[in-house]
Protein backbone atom coordinates (compact mmCIF):
# COMPACT_ATOMS: atom_id res chain seq x y z
CA MET A 1 -25.96 -11.87 43.31
CA THR A 2 -22.23 -11.51 43.87
CA ASP A 3 -19.89 -9.60 41.58
CA ARG A 4 -18.37 -13.00 40.77
CA SER A 5 -21.73 -14.21 39.46
CA ARG A 6 -21.92 -11.36 36.96
CA LYS A 7 -18.50 -11.95 35.38
CA VAL A 8 -18.70 -12.96 31.74
CA ILE A 9 -16.86 -16.25 31.22
CA GLY A 10 -17.49 -16.68 27.52
CA TYR A 11 -20.10 -17.68 24.97
CA PHE A 12 -22.37 -20.64 24.32
CA ALA A 13 -24.45 -21.44 21.26
CA PHE A 14 -27.75 -23.13 20.58
CA ALA A 15 -29.89 -24.06 17.60
CA SER A 16 -33.08 -24.31 19.69
CA LEU A 17 -34.04 -24.31 23.37
CA SER A 18 -33.39 -28.05 23.50
CA GLU A 19 -30.30 -28.13 21.26
CA VAL A 20 -27.27 -26.54 22.89
CA VAL A 21 -23.89 -26.94 21.19
CA CYS A 22 -21.94 -29.65 23.00
CA THR A 23 -18.50 -31.19 22.73
CA GLY A 24 -18.29 -34.19 20.47
CA ASP A 25 -14.91 -35.44 21.56
CA GLN A 26 -15.52 -35.76 25.30
CA GLY A 27 -19.24 -36.41 25.64
CA ASP A 28 -22.15 -34.15 26.30
CA ALA A 29 -20.71 -30.95 27.72
CA CYS A 30 -22.01 -27.53 26.78
CA VAL A 31 -19.26 -25.71 24.87
CA ILE A 32 -18.10 -22.42 26.38
CA SER A 33 -15.77 -20.42 24.16
CA GLY A 34 -13.74 -17.41 25.22
CA SER A 35 -14.89 -15.26 22.30
CA VAL A 36 -17.63 -14.98 19.72
CA ARG A 37 -15.02 -15.61 16.99
CA ALA A 38 -13.87 -18.85 18.68
CA MET A 39 -17.48 -20.04 18.94
CA LYS A 40 -18.19 -19.20 15.30
CA ASP A 41 -15.04 -21.09 14.28
CA PHE A 42 -16.21 -24.13 16.25
CA LEU A 43 -19.69 -23.88 14.73
CA THR A 44 -18.14 -23.83 11.26
CA GLU A 45 -16.16 -26.93 12.20
CA ILE A 46 -19.24 -28.90 13.33
CA ASP A 47 -21.76 -27.41 10.87
CA PRO A 48 -19.78 -26.24 7.81
CA ASP A 49 -22.90 -25.39 5.80
CA GLY A 50 -24.52 -23.44 8.64
CA GLN A 51 -27.73 -25.42 8.34
CA LYS A 52 -28.68 -25.19 12.01
CA GLY A 53 -28.75 -21.39 12.32
CA HIS A 54 -27.10 -21.19 15.74
CA THR A 55 -27.51 -18.30 18.15
CA VAL A 56 -24.43 -17.26 20.14
CA LYS A 57 -24.96 -15.74 23.59
CA LYS A 58 -22.82 -14.45 26.43
CA THR A 59 -22.71 -16.57 29.59
CA ARG A 60 -21.81 -15.47 33.08
CA PHE A 61 -20.22 -17.30 35.99
CA GLY A 62 -23.50 -17.41 37.95
CA GLU A 63 -25.31 -19.09 35.04
CA ILE A 64 -22.58 -21.71 34.69
CA LEU A 65 -22.54 -22.30 38.46
CA ARG A 66 -26.31 -22.87 38.49
CA GLY A 67 -25.98 -25.34 35.61
CA LEU A 68 -23.16 -27.20 37.36
CA LYS A 69 -25.25 -27.49 40.53
CA LEU A 70 -28.04 -29.00 38.42
CA GLY A 71 -25.64 -31.64 37.06
CA ALA A 72 -24.67 -30.05 33.74
CA ALA A 73 -21.20 -30.47 32.26
CA TYR A 74 -19.33 -27.66 30.51
CA GLY A 75 -16.52 -27.93 27.98
CA PHE A 76 -14.32 -24.82 28.24
CA ASP A 77 -11.79 -23.67 25.68
CA GLU A 78 -8.52 -22.26 26.98
CA GLU A 79 -9.60 -18.61 27.02
CA SER A 80 -12.88 -19.23 28.85
CA TYR A 81 -11.29 -21.60 31.37
CA LYS A 82 -8.75 -18.93 32.31
CA LYS A 83 -11.72 -16.76 33.34
CA PHE A 84 -13.71 -19.57 34.97
CA TYR A 85 -10.98 -21.28 37.02
CA PRO A 86 -10.08 -18.54 39.53
CA LEU A 87 -13.75 -17.70 40.13
CA ALA A 88 -14.61 -21.36 40.65
CA ARG A 89 -11.79 -21.74 43.17
CA LYS A 90 -12.98 -18.62 45.05
CA GLU A 91 -16.45 -20.18 45.07
CA GLY A 92 -14.96 -23.26 46.77
CA LEU A 93 -15.33 -25.61 43.81
CA SER A 94 -12.77 -28.38 43.57
CA VAL A 95 -11.76 -27.82 39.96
CA GLU A 96 -8.47 -28.81 38.40
CA LYS A 97 -5.95 -26.68 36.56
CA ALA A 98 -6.12 -27.49 32.89
CA ASP A 99 -3.05 -28.22 30.79
CA PHE A 100 -4.28 -27.15 27.37
CA ASP A 101 -0.92 -27.83 25.70
CA GLU A 102 -1.10 -31.47 26.80
CA MET A 103 -4.78 -31.70 25.85
CA LYS A 104 -4.18 -30.31 22.36
CA GLY A 105 -1.41 -32.88 21.90
CA LYS A 106 -4.05 -35.56 22.56
CA GLY A 107 -6.52 -33.95 20.16
CA PHE A 108 -8.79 -32.31 22.76
CA GLN A 109 -9.69 -28.64 22.56
CA PHE A 110 -12.06 -28.46 25.55
CA PHE A 111 -11.61 -29.08 29.27
CA THR A 112 -14.75 -30.58 30.77
CA VAL A 113 -16.02 -29.65 34.21
CA GLN A 114 -18.89 -31.41 35.97
CA LEU A 115 -19.56 -31.48 39.70
CA LYS A 116 -19.57 -34.86 41.42
CA ASN A 117 -21.55 -35.88 44.49
CA LEU A 118 -24.43 -33.48 43.99
């Protein structure tokens, strides 16, 4: 495992093993937030009454990379994408720079990454 693989990118949340928190505005992409607070704010937004009882966990670059290679999509907030992007480029992934100011102007808060041609 490389040092890159161990780097914490952010946090994901789940209600059960089969129910991971995903973006609602751009499809089914697992939400990765840059902080626990940002994830809890998003959870409050999508589940104001807290009925699902979500668990928030740290996620590392290696875990995200494995998911991407299996076809998963990830929706990064600005803070988490700042951590993910340089590591992904070093890994040789063809990922785009994200313009979060432009995205927010269009009502999007997450930048979705999914590998093509697996």
